[in-house]
Amino acid sequence: LGSALGWGRPFRLMAQAPRLWLISCCLG
């Protein structure tokens, strides 16, 4: 929602949270 409304970089990073969560399972 923040990215769609143009509220800046922190909201674009928050939209990527599920990807970061999935990547974090392979930190062995």
mmCIF file of all heavy atoms, coordinates in Angstrom:
data_MODEL
# 
_entry.id   MODEL 
# 
loop_
_atom_site.group_PDB 
_atom_site.id 
_atom_site.type_symbol 
_atom_site.label_atom_id 
_atom_site.label_alt_id 
_atom_site.label_comp_id 
_atom_site.label_asym_id 
_atom_site.label_entity_id 
_atom_site.label_seq_id 
_atom_site.pdbx_PDB_ins_code 
_atom_site.Cartn_x 
_atom_site.Cartn_y 
_atom_site.Cartn_z 
_atom_site.occupancy 
_atom_site.B_iso_or_equiv 
_atom_site.pdbx_formal_charge 
_atom_site.auth_seq_id 
_atom_site.auth_comp_id 
_atom_site.auth_asym_id 
_atom_site.auth_atom_id 
_atom_site.pdbx_PDB_model_num 
ATOM 1   N N   . LEU A 1 1  ? 0.828  -1.202  0.000  1.00 0.00 ? 1  LEU A N   1 
ATOM 2   C CA  . LEU A 1 1  ? 0.000  0.000   0.000  1.00 0.00 ? 1  LEU A CA  1 
ATOM 3   C C   . LEU A 1 1  ? 0.869  1.262   0.000  1.00 0.00 ? 1  LEU A C   1 
ATOM 4   O O   . LEU A 1 1  ? 0.615  2.201   -0.748 1.00 0.00 ? 1  LEU A O   1 
ATOM 5   C CB  . LEU A 1 1  ? -0.933 0.002   1.210  1.00 0.00 ? 1  LEU A CB  1 
ATOM 6   C CG  . LEU A 1 1  ? -1.840 1.222   1.356  1.00 0.00 ? 1  LEU A CG  1 
ATOM 7   C CD1 . LEU A 1 1  ? -2.813 1.270   0.183  1.00 0.00 ? 1  LEU A CD1 1 
ATOM 8   C CD2 . LEU A 1 1  ? -2.568 1.168   2.667  1.00 0.00 ? 1  LEU A CD2 1 
ATOM 9   N N   . GLY A 1 2  ? 1.896  1.257   0.830  1.00 0.00 ? 2  GLY A N   1 
ATOM 10  C CA  . GLY A 1 2  ? 2.801  2.408   0.870  1.00 0.00 ? 2  GLY A CA  1 
ATOM 11  C C   . GLY A 1 2  ? 3.539  2.617   -0.435 1.00 0.00 ? 2  GLY A C   1 
ATOM 12  O O   . GLY A 1 2  ? 3.760  3.752   -0.865 1.00 0.00 ? 2  GLY A O   1 
ATOM 13  N N   . SER A 1 3  ? 3.922  1.531   -1.095 1.00 0.00 ? 3  SER A N   1 
ATOM 14  C CA  . SER A 1 3  ? 4.580  1.644   -2.400 1.00 0.00 ? 3  SER A CA  1 
ATOM 15  C C   . SER A 1 3  ? 3.625  2.193   -3.450 1.00 0.00 ? 3  SER A C   1 
ATOM 16  O O   . SER A 1 3  ? 4.015  3.022   -4.272 1.00 0.00 ? 3  SER A O   1 
ATOM 17  C CB  . SER A 1 3  ? 5.100  0.282   -2.865 1.00 0.00 ? 3  SER A CB  1 
ATOM 18  O OG  . SER A 1 3  ? 6.153  -0.137  -2.057 1.00 0.00 ? 3  SER A OG  1 
ATOM 19  N N   . ALA A 1 4  ? 2.379  1.733   -3.424 1.00 0.00 ? 4  ALA A N   1 
ATOM 20  C CA  . ALA A 1 4  ? 1.392  2.195   -4.399 1.00 0.00 ? 4  ALA A CA  1 
ATOM 21  C C   . ALA A 1 4  ? 1.088  3.684   -4.226 1.00 0.00 ? 4  ALA A C   1 
ATOM 22  O O   . ALA A 1 4  ? 0.836  4.388   -5.201 1.00 0.00 ? 4  ALA A O   1 
ATOM 23  C CB  . ALA A 1 4  ? 0.108  1.384   -4.277 1.00 0.00 ? 4  ALA A CB  1 
ATOM 24  N N   . LEU A 1 5  ? 1.138  4.152   -2.996 1.00 0.00 ? 5  LEU A N   1 
ATOM 25  C CA  . LEU A 1 5  ? 0.862  5.558   -2.732 1.00 0.00 ? 5  LEU A CA  1 
ATOM 26  C C   . LEU A 1 5  ? 2.112  6.434   -2.839 1.00 0.00 ? 5  LEU A C   1 
ATOM 27  O O   . LEU A 1 5  ? 2.024  7.648   -2.644 1.00 0.00 ? 5  LEU A O   1 
ATOM 28  C CB  . LEU A 1 5  ? 0.220  5.719   -1.347 1.00 0.00 ? 5  LEU A CB  1 
ATOM 29  C CG  . LEU A 1 5  ? -1.142 5.051   -1.189 1.00 0.00 ? 5  LEU A CG  1 
ATOM 30  C CD1 . LEU A 1 5  ? -1.631 5.176   0.236  1.00 0.00 ? 5  LEU A CD1 1 
ATOM 31  C CD2 . LEU A 1 5  ? -2.148 5.639   -2.159 1.00 0.00 ? 5  LEU A CD2 1 
ATOM 32  N N   . GLY A 1 6  ? 3.268  5.811   -3.099 1.00 0.00 ? 6  GLY A N   1 
ATOM 33  C CA  . GLY A 1 6  ? 4.503  6.565   -3.294 1.00 0.00 ? 6  GLY A CA  1 
ATOM 34  C C   . GLY A 1 6  ? 5.094  7.134   -2.024 1.00 0.00 ? 6  GLY A C   1 
ATOM 35  O O   . GLY A 1 6  ? 5.652  8.228   -2.031 1.00 0.00 ? 6  GLY A O   1 
ATOM 36  N N   . TRP A 1 7  ? 4.988  6.412   -0.929 1.00 0.00 ? 7  TRP A N   1 
ATOM 37  C CA  . TRP A 1 7  ? 5.481  6.905   0.348  1.00 0.00 ? 7  TRP A CA  1 
ATOM 38  C C   . TRP A 1 7  ? 6.964  6.659   0.582  1.00 0.00 ? 7  TRP A C   1 
ATOM 39  O O   . TRP A 1 7  ? 7.476  6.935   1.646  1.00 0.00 ? 7  TRP A O   1 
ATOM 40  C CB  . TRP A 1 7  ? 4.687  6.305   1.495  1.00 0.00 ? 7  TRP A CB  1 
ATOM 41  C CG  . TRP A 1 7  ? 3.297  6.850   1.583  1.00 0.00 ? 7  TRP A CG  1 
ATOM 42  C CD1 . TRP A 1 7  ? 2.807  7.956   0.971  1.00 0.00 ? 7  TRP A CD1 1 
ATOM 43  C CD2 . TRP A 1 7  ? 2.227  6.306   2.331  1.00 0.00 ? 7  TRP A CD2 1 
ATOM 44  N NE1 . TRP A 1 7  ? 1.500  8.132   1.289  1.00 0.00 ? 7  TRP A NE1 1 
ATOM 45  C CE2 . TRP A 1 7  ? 1.101  7.128   2.133  1.00 0.00 ? 7  TRP A CE2 1 
ATOM 46  C CE3 . TRP A 1 7  ? 2.099  5.197   3.152  1.00 0.00 ? 7  TRP A CE3 1 
ATOM 47  C CZ2 . TRP A 1 7  ? -0.118 6.887   2.725  1.00 0.00 ? 7  TRP A CZ2 1 
ATOM 48  C CZ3 . TRP A 1 7  ? 0.879  4.948   3.736  1.00 0.00 ? 7  TRP A CZ3 1 
ATOM 49  C CH2 . TRP A 1 7  ? -0.214 5.794   3.528  1.00 0.00 ? 7  TRP A CH2 1 
ATOM 50  N N   . GLY A 1 8  ? 7.681  6.090   -0.357 1.00 0.00 ? 8  GLY A N   1 
ATOM 51  C CA  . GLY A 1 8  ? 9.132  6.008   -0.236 1.00 0.00 ? 8  GLY A CA  1 
ATOM 52  C C   . GLY A 1 8  ? 9.699  4.617   -0.085 1.00 0.00 ? 8  GLY A C   1 
ATOM 53  O O   . GLY A 1 8  ? 9.014  3.608   -0.089 1.00 0.00 ? 8  GLY A O   1 
ATOM 54  N N   . ARG A 1 9  ? 11.023 4.615   0.051  1.00 0.00 ? 9  ARG A N   1 
ATOM 55  C CA  . ARG A 1 9  ? 11.812 3.400   0.069  1.00 0.00 ? 9  ARG A CA  1 
ATOM 56  C C   . ARG A 1 9  ? 11.470 2.430   1.215  1.00 0.00 ? 9  ARG A C   1 
ATOM 57  O O   . ARG A 1 9  ? 11.444 1.218   0.994  1.00 0.00 ? 9  ARG A O   1 
ATOM 58  C CB  . ARG A 1 9  ? 13.294 3.772   0.101  1.00 0.00 ? 9  ARG A CB  1 
ATOM 59  C CG  . ARG A 1 9  ? 14.214 2.588   0.060  1.00 0.00 ? 9  ARG A CG  1 
ATOM 60  C CD  . ARG A 1 9  ? 15.663 3.034   -0.018 1.00 0.00 ? 9  ARG A CD  1 
ATOM 61  N NE  . ARG A 1 9  ? 16.562 1.935   0.121  1.00 0.00 ? 9  ARG A NE  1 
ATOM 62  C CZ  . ARG A 1 9  ? 16.938 1.152   -0.848 1.00 0.00 ? 9  ARG A CZ  1 
ATOM 63  N NH1 . ARG A 1 9  ? 16.470 1.331   -2.051 1.00 0.00 ? 9  ARG A NH1 1 
ATOM 64  N NH2 . ARG A 1 9  ? 17.783 0.166   -0.632 1.00 0.00 ? 9  ARG A NH2 1 
ATOM 65  N N   . PRO A 1 10 ? 11.248 2.884   2.444  1.00 0.00 ? 10 PRO A N   1 
ATOM 66  C CA  . PRO A 1 10 ? 10.944 1.906   3.507  1.00 0.00 ? 10 PRO A CA  1 
ATOM 67  C C   . PRO A 1 10 ? 9.735  1.043   3.190  1.00 0.00 ? 10 PRO A C   1 
ATOM 68  O O   . PRO A 1 10 ? 9.709  -0.140  3.519  1.00 0.00 ? 10 PRO A O   1 
ATOM 69  C CB  . PRO A 1 10 ? 10.682 2.780   4.740  1.00 0.00 ? 10 PRO A CB  1 
ATOM 70  C CG  . PRO A 1 10 ? 11.403 4.045   4.470  1.00 0.00 ? 10 PRO A CG  1 
ATOM 71  C CD  . PRO A 1 10 ? 11.339 4.248   2.992  1.00 0.00 ? 10 PRO A CD  1 
ATOM 72  N N   . PHE A 1 11 ? 8.747  1.605   2.522  1.00 0.00 ? 11 PHE A N   1 
ATOM 73  C CA  . PHE A 1 11 ? 7.553  0.821   2.196  1.00 0.00 ? 11 PHE A CA  1 
ATOM 74  C C   . PHE A 1 11 ? 7.835  -0.163  1.060  1.00 0.00 ? 11 PHE A C   1 
ATOM 75  O O   . PHE A 1 11 ? 7.267  -1.254  1.029  1.00 0.00 ? 11 PHE A O   1 
ATOM 76  C CB  . PHE A 1 11 ? 6.394  1.749   1.858  1.00 0.00 ? 11 PHE A CB  1 
ATOM 77  C CG  . PHE A 1 11 ? 5.866  2.459   3.072  1.00 0.00 ? 11 PHE A CG  1 
ATOM 78  C CD1 . PHE A 1 11 ? 6.307  3.725   3.390  1.00 0.00 ? 11 PHE A CD1 1 
ATOM 79  C CD2 . PHE A 1 11 ? 4.961  1.833   3.909  1.00 0.00 ? 11 PHE A CD2 1 
ATOM 80  C CE1 . PHE A 1 11 ? 5.839  4.366   4.518  1.00 0.00 ? 11 PHE A CE1 1 
ATOM 81  C CE2 . PHE A 1 11 ? 4.485  2.464   5.038  1.00 0.00 ? 11 PHE A CE2 1 
ATOM 82  C CZ  . PHE A 1 11 ? 4.939  3.741   5.341  1.00 0.00 ? 11 PHE A CZ  1 
ATOM 83  N N   . ARG A 1 12 ? 8.704  0.204   0.132  1.00 0.00 ? 12 ARG A N   1 
ATOM 84  C CA  . ARG A 1 12 ? 9.078  -0.746  -0.924 1.00 0.00 ? 12 ARG A CA  1 
ATOM 85  C C   . ARG A 1 12 ? 9.838  -1.925  -0.321 1.00 0.00 ? 12 ARG A C   1 
ATOM 86  O O   . ARG A 1 12 ? 9.672  -3.065  -0.750 1.00 0.00 ? 12 ARG A O   1 
ATOM 87  C CB  . ARG A 1 12 ? 9.932  -0.045  -1.978 1.00 0.00 ? 12 ARG A CB  1 
ATOM 88  C CG  . ARG A 1 12 ? 9.143  0.895   -2.848 1.00 0.00 ? 12 ARG A CG  1 
ATOM 89  C CD  . ARG A 1 12 ? 9.915  1.320   -4.078 1.00 0.00 ? 12 ARG A CD  1 
ATOM 90  N NE  . ARG A 1 12 ? 11.192 1.929   -3.771 1.00 0.00 ? 12 ARG A NE  1 
ATOM 91  C CZ  . ARG A 1 12 ? 11.397 3.244   -3.668 1.00 0.00 ? 12 ARG A CZ  1 
ATOM 92  N NH1 . ARG A 1 12 ? 10.397 4.084   -3.834 1.00 0.00 ? 12 ARG A NH1 1 
ATOM 93  N NH2 . ARG A 1 12 ? 12.590 3.723   -3.392 1.00 0.00 ? 12 ARG A NH2 1 
ATOM 94  N N   . LEU A 1 13 ? 10.666 -1.659  0.686  1.00 0.00 ? 13 LEU A N   1 
ATOM 95  C CA  . LEU A 1 13 ? 11.386 -2.745  1.355  1.00 0.00 ? 13 LEU A CA  1 
ATOM 96  C C   . LEU A 1 13 ? 10.445 -3.629  2.168  1.00 0.00 ? 13 LEU A C   1 
ATOM 97  O O   . LEU A 1 13 ? 10.620 -4.845  2.210  1.00 0.00 ? 13 LEU A O   1 
ATOM 98  C CB  . LEU A 1 13 ? 12.479 -2.166  2.255  1.00 0.00 ? 13 LEU A CB  1 
ATOM 99  C CG  . LEU A 1 13 ? 13.627 -1.469  1.536  1.00 0.00 ? 13 LEU A CG  1 
ATOM 100 C CD1 . LEU A 1 13 ? 14.570 -0.830  2.541  1.00 0.00 ? 13 LEU A CD1 1 
ATOM 101 C CD2 . LEU A 1 13 ? 14.366 -2.430  0.646  1.00 0.00 ? 13 LEU A CD2 1 
ATOM 102 N N   . MET A 1 14 ? 9.449  -3.028  2.790  1.00 0.00 ? 14 MET A N   1 
ATOM 103 C CA  . MET A 1 14 ? 8.483  -3.823  3.556  1.00 0.00 ? 14 MET A CA  1 
ATOM 104 C C   . MET A 1 14 ? 7.680  -4.748  2.651  1.00 0.00 ? 14 MET A C   1 
ATOM 105 O O   . MET A 1 14 ? 7.277  -5.833  3.065  1.00 0.00 ? 14 MET A O   1 
ATOM 106 C CB  . MET A 1 14 ? 7.542  -2.909  4.336  1.00 0.00 ? 14 MET A CB  1 
ATOM 107 C CG  . MET A 1 14 ? 8.184  -2.252  5.534  1.00 0.00 ? 14 MET A CG  1 
ATOM 108 S SD  . MET A 1 14 ? 7.123  -1.028  6.324  1.00 0.00 ? 14 MET A SD  1 
ATOM 109 C CE  . MET A 1 14 ? 5.770  -2.030  6.871  1.00 0.00 ? 14 MET A CE  1 
ATOM 110 N N   . ALA A 1 15 ? 7.457  -4.334  1.409  1.00 0.00 ? 15 ALA A N   1 
ATOM 111 C CA  . ALA A 1 15 ? 6.713  -5.177  0.473  1.00 0.00 ? 15 ALA A CA  1 
ATOM 112 C C   . ALA A 1 15 ? 7.500  -6.432  0.105  1.00 0.00 ? 15 ALA A C   1 
ATOM 113 O O   . ALA A 1 15 ? 6.924  -7.418  -0.357 1.00 0.00 ? 15 ALA A O   1 
ATOM 114 C CB  . ALA A 1 15 ? 6.362  -4.385  -0.776 1.00 0.00 ? 15 ALA A CB  1 
ATOM 115 N N   . GLN A 1 16 ? 8.825  -6.422  0.326  1.00 0.00 ? 16 GLN A N   1 
ATOM 116 C CA  . GLN A 1 16 ? 9.670  -7.578  0.018  1.00 0.00 ? 16 GLN A CA  1 
ATOM 117 C C   . GLN A 1 16 ? 9.860  -8.500  1.219  1.00 0.00 ? 16 GLN A C   1 
ATOM 118 O O   . GLN A 1 16 ? 10.618 -9.463  1.146  1.00 0.00 ? 16 GLN A O   1 
ATOM 119 C CB  . GLN A 1 16 ? 11.038 -7.105  -0.485 1.00 0.00 ? 16 GLN A CB  1 
ATOM 120 C CG  . GLN A 1 16 ? 10.958 -6.233  -1.715 1.00 0.00 ? 16 GLN A CG  1 
ATOM 121 C CD  . GLN A 1 16 ? 10.243 -6.899  -2.863 1.00 0.00 ? 16 GLN A CD  1 
ATOM 122 O OE1 . GLN A 1 16 ? 10.461 -8.070  -3.129 1.00 0.00 ? 16 GLN A OE1 1 
ATOM 123 N NE2 . GLN A 1 16 ? 9.380  -6.160  -3.529 1.00 0.00 ? 16 GLN A NE2 1 
ATOM 124 N N   . ALA A 1 17 ? 9.196  -8.245  2.327  1.00 0.00 ? 17 ALA A N   1 
ATOM 125 C CA  . ALA A 1 17 ? 9.368  -9.034  3.555  1.00 0.00 ? 17 ALA A CA  1 
ATOM 126 C C   . ALA A 1 17 ? 9.134  -10.532 3.362  1.00 0.00 ? 17 ALA A C   1 
ATOM 127 O O   . ALA A 1 17 ? 9.910  -11.345 3.882  1.00 0.00 ? 17 ALA A O   1 
ATOM 128 C CB  . ALA A 1 17 ? 8.486  -8.485  4.664  1.00 0.00 ? 17 ALA A CB  1 
ATOM 129 N N   . PRO A 1 18 ? 8.093  -10.969 2.626  1.00 0.00 ? 18 PRO A N   1 
ATOM 130 C CA  . PRO A 1 18 ? 7.919  -12.419 2.455  1.00 0.00 ? 18 PRO A CA  1 
ATOM 131 C C   . PRO A 1 18 ? 9.088  -13.067 1.706  1.00 0.00 ? 18 PRO A C   1 
ATOM 132 O O   . PRO A 1 18 ? 9.467  -14.189 2.028  1.00 0.00 ? 18 PRO A O   1 
ATOM 133 C CB  . PRO A 1 18 ? 6.627  -12.537 1.655  1.00 0.00 ? 18 PRO A CB  1 
ATOM 134 C CG  . PRO A 1 18 ? 5.886  -11.294 1.941  1.00 0.00 ? 18 PRO A CG  1 
ATOM 135 C CD  . PRO A 1 18 ? 6.935  -10.238 2.103  1.00 0.00 ? 18 PRO A CD  1 
ATOM 136 N N   . ARG A 1 19 ? 9.658  -12.375 0.742  1.00 0.00 ? 19 ARG A N   1 
ATOM 137 C CA  . ARG A 1 19 ? 10.820 -12.933 0.035  1.00 0.00 ? 19 ARG A CA  1 
ATOM 138 C C   . ARG A 1 19 ? 12.016 -13.074 0.963  1.00 0.00 ? 19 ARG A C   1 
ATOM 139 O O   . ARG A 1 19 ? 12.717 -14.085 0.928  1.00 0.00 ? 19 ARG A O   1 
ATOM 140 C CB  . ARG A 1 19 ? 11.195 -12.039 -1.141 1.00 0.00 ? 19 ARG A CB  1 
ATOM 141 C CG  . ARG A 1 19 ? 10.221 -12.112 -2.257 1.00 0.00 ? 19 ARG A CG  1 
ATOM 142 C CD  . ARG A 1 19 ? 10.683 -11.282 -3.409 1.00 0.00 ? 19 ARG A CD  1 
ATOM 143 N NE  . ARG A 1 19 ? 9.675  -11.319 -4.453 1.00 0.00 ? 19 ARG A NE  1 
ATOM 144 C CZ  . ARG A 1 19 ? 9.611  -10.464 -5.427 1.00 0.00 ? 19 ARG A CZ  1 
ATOM 145 N NH1 . ARG A 1 19 ? 10.475 -9.492  -5.518 1.00 0.00 ? 19 ARG A NH1 1 
ATOM 146 N NH2 . ARG A 1 19 ? 8.661  -10.569 -6.333 1.00 0.00 ? 19 ARG A NH2 1 
ATOM 147 N N   . LEU A 1 20 ? 12.262 -12.062 1.779  1.00 0.00 ? 20 LEU A N   1 
ATOM 148 C CA  . LEU A 1 20 ? 13.374 -12.147 2.730  1.00 0.00 ? 20 LEU A CA  1 
ATOM 149 C C   . LEU A 1 20 ? 13.151 -13.260 3.739  1.00 0.00 ? 20 LEU A C   1 
ATOM 150 O O   . LEU A 1 20 ? 14.092 -13.938 4.140  1.00 0.00 ? 20 LEU A O   1 
ATOM 151 C CB  . LEU A 1 20 ? 13.556 -10.807 3.441  1.00 0.00 ? 20 LEU A CB  1 
ATOM 152 C CG  . LEU A 1 20 ? 13.998 -9.652  2.564  1.00 0.00 ? 20 LEU A CG  1 
ATOM 153 C CD1 . LEU A 1 20 ? 13.987 -8.357  3.363  1.00 0.00 ? 20 LEU A CD1 1 
ATOM 154 C CD2 . LEU A 1 20 ? 15.366 -9.916  1.985  1.00 0.00 ? 20 LEU A CD2 1 
ATOM 155 N N   . TRP A 1 21 ? 11.896 -13.456 4.156  1.00 0.00 ? 21 TRP A N   1 
ATOM 156 C CA  . TRP A 1 21 ? 11.597 -14.518 5.107  1.00 0.00 ? 21 TRP A CA  1 
ATOM 157 C C   . TRP A 1 21 ? 11.886 -15.881 4.488  1.00 0.00 ? 21 TRP A C   1 
ATOM 158 O O   . TRP A 1 21 ? 12.450 -16.754 5.136  1.00 0.00 ? 21 TRP A O   1 
ATOM 159 C CB  . TRP A 1 21 ? 10.134 -14.406 5.536  1.00 0.00 ? 21 TRP A CB  1 
ATOM 160 C CG  . TRP A 1 21 ? 9.711  -15.462 6.499  1.00 0.00 ? 21 TRP A CG  1 
ATOM 161 C CD1 . TRP A 1 21 ? 9.980  -15.495 7.830  1.00 0.00 ? 21 TRP A CD1 1 
ATOM 162 C CD2 . TRP A 1 21 ? 8.973  -16.637 6.201  1.00 0.00 ? 21 TRP A CD2 1 
ATOM 163 N NE1 . TRP A 1 21 ? 9.434  -16.626 8.378  1.00 0.00 ? 21 TRP A NE1 1 
ATOM 164 C CE2 . TRP A 1 21 ? 8.811  -17.343 7.401  1.00 0.00 ? 21 TRP A CE2 1 
ATOM 165 C CE3 . TRP A 1 21 ? 8.432  -17.164 5.040  1.00 0.00 ? 21 TRP A CE3 1 
ATOM 166 C CZ2 . TRP A 1 21 ? 8.136  -18.542 7.470  1.00 0.00 ? 21 TRP A CZ2 1 
ATOM 167 C CZ3 . TRP A 1 21 ? 7.753  -18.361 5.119  1.00 0.00 ? 21 TRP A CZ3 1 
ATOM 168 C CH2 . TRP A 1 21 ? 7.608  -19.036 6.322  1.00 0.00 ? 21 TRP A CH2 1 
ATOM 169 N N   . LEU A 1 22 ? 11.521 -16.072 3.218  1.00 0.00 ? 22 LEU A N   1 
ATOM 170 C CA  . LEU A 1 22 ? 11.776 -17.352 2.549  1.00 0.00 ? 22 LEU A CA  1 
ATOM 171 C C   . LEU A 1 22 ? 13.266 -17.577 2.316  1.00 0.00 ? 22 LEU A C   1 
ATOM 172 O O   . LEU A 1 22 ? 13.757 -18.702 2.443  1.00 0.00 ? 22 LEU A O   1 
ATOM 173 C CB  . LEU A 1 22 ? 11.023 -17.413 1.226  1.00 0.00 ? 22 LEU A CB  1 
ATOM 174 C CG  . LEU A 1 22 ? 9.517  -17.605 1.348  1.00 0.00 ? 22 LEU A CG  1 
ATOM 175 C CD1 . LEU A 1 22 ? 8.859  -17.466 -0.010 1.00 0.00 ? 22 LEU A CD1 1 
ATOM 176 C CD2 . LEU A 1 22 ? 9.202  -18.950 1.964  1.00 0.00 ? 22 LEU A CD2 1 
ATOM 177 N N   . ILE A 1 23 ? 13.990 -16.536 1.954  1.00 0.00 ? 23 ILE A N   1 
ATOM 178 C CA  . ILE A 1 23 ? 15.431 -16.662 1.731  1.00 0.00 ? 23 ILE A CA  1 
ATOM 179 C C   . ILE A 1 23 ? 16.159 -16.983 3.038  1.00 0.00 ? 23 ILE A C   1 
ATOM 180 O O   . ILE A 1 23 ? 17.146 -17.713 3.041  1.00 0.00 ? 23 ILE A O   1 
ATOM 181 C CB  . ILE A 1 23 ? 15.988 -15.378 1.094  1.00 0.00 ? 23 ILE A CB  1 
ATOM 182 C CG1 . ILE A 1 23 ? 15.492 -15.256 -0.342 1.00 0.00 ? 23 ILE A CG1 1 
ATOM 183 C CG2 . ILE A 1 23 ? 17.496 -15.338 1.134  1.00 0.00 ? 23 ILE A CG2 1 
ATOM 184 C CD1 . ILE A 1 23 ? 15.801 -13.924 -0.984 1.00 0.00 ? 23 ILE A CD1 1 
ATOM 185 N N   . SER A 1 24 ? 15.660 -16.467 4.151  1.00 0.00 ? 24 SER A N   1 
ATOM 186 C CA  . SER A 1 24 ? 16.353 -16.647 5.424  1.00 0.00 ? 24 SER A CA  1 
ATOM 187 C C   . SER A 1 24 ? 16.360 -18.091 5.915  1.00 0.00 ? 24 SER A C   1 
ATOM 188 O O   . SER A 1 24 ? 17.094 -18.419 6.840  1.00 0.00 ? 24 SER A O   1 
ATOM 189 C CB  . SER A 1 24 ? 15.751 -15.746 6.498  1.00 0.00 ? 24 SER A CB  1 
ATOM 190 O OG  . SER A 1 24 ? 14.442 -16.145 6.795  1.00 0.00 ? 24 SER A OG  1 
ATOM 191 N N   . CYS A 1 25 ? 15.584 -18.980 5.307  1.00 0.00 ? 25 CYS A N   1 
ATOM 192 C CA  . CYS A 1 25 ? 15.610 -20.376 5.744  1.00 0.00 ? 25 CYS A CA  1 
ATOM 193 C C   . CYS A 1 25 ? 16.891 -21.077 5.298  1.00 0.00 ? 25 CYS A C   1 
ATOM 194 O O   . CYS A 1 25 ? 17.251 -22.102 5.850  1.00 0.00 ? 25 CYS A O   1 
ATOM 195 C CB  . CYS A 1 25 ? 14.383 -21.121 5.243  1.00 0.00 ? 25 CYS A CB  1 
ATOM 196 S SG  . CYS A 1 25 ? 14.357 -21.415 3.482  1.00 0.00 ? 25 CYS A SG  1 
ATOM 197 N N   . CYS A 1 26 ? 17.605 -20.544 4.324  1.00 0.00 ? 26 CYS A N   1 
ATOM 198 C CA  . CYS A 1 26 ? 18.811 -21.192 3.786  1.00 0.00 ? 26 CYS A CA  1 
ATOM 199 C C   . CYS A 1 26 ? 20.085 -20.484 4.218  1.00 0.00 ? 26 CYS A C   1 
ATOM 200 O O   . CYS A 1 26 ? 20.969 -20.253 3.401  1.00 0.00 ? 26 CYS A O   1 
ATOM 201 C CB  . CYS A 1 26 ? 18.733 -21.238 2.263  1.00 0.00 ? 26 CYS A CB  1 
ATOM 202 S SG  . CYS A 1 26 ? 17.374 -22.223 1.675  1.00 0.00 ? 26 CYS A SG  1 
ATOM 203 N N   . LEU A 1 27 ? 20.202 -20.151 5.477  1.00 0.00 ? 27 LEU A N   1 
ATOM 204 C CA  . LEU A 1 27 ? 21.376 -19.443 5.970  1.00 0.00 ? 27 LEU A CA  1 
ATOM 205 C C   . LEU A 1 27 ? 22.422 -20.374 6.574  1.00 0.00 ? 27 LEU A C   1 
ATOM 206 O O   . LEU A 1 27 ? 23.324 -19.911 7.252  1.00 0.00 ? 27 LEU A O   1 
ATOM 207 C CB  . LEU A 1 27 ? 20.963 -18.404 7.019  1.00 0.00 ? 27 LEU A CB  1 
ATOM 208 C CG  . LEU A 1 27 ? 20.148 -17.226 6.503  1.00 0.00 ? 27 LEU A CG  1 
ATOM 209 C CD1 . LEU A 1 27 ? 19.736 -16.345 7.661  1.00 0.00 ? 27 LEU A CD1 1 
ATOM 210 C CD2 . LEU A 1 27 ? 20.933 -16.442 5.491  1.00 0.00 ? 27 LEU A CD2 1 
ATOM 211 N N   . GLY A 1 28 ? 22.318 -21.676 6.357  1.00 0.00 ? 28 GLY A N   1 
ATOM 212 C CA  . GLY A 1 28 ? 23.266 -22.623 6.941  1.00 0.00 ? 28 GLY A CA  1 
ATOM 213 C C   . GLY A 1 28 ? 24.696 -22.323 6.536  1.00 0.00 ? 28 GLY A C   1 
ATOM 214 O O   . GLY A 1 28 ? 24.994 -22.114 5.370  1.00 0.00 ? 28 GLY A O   1 
# 
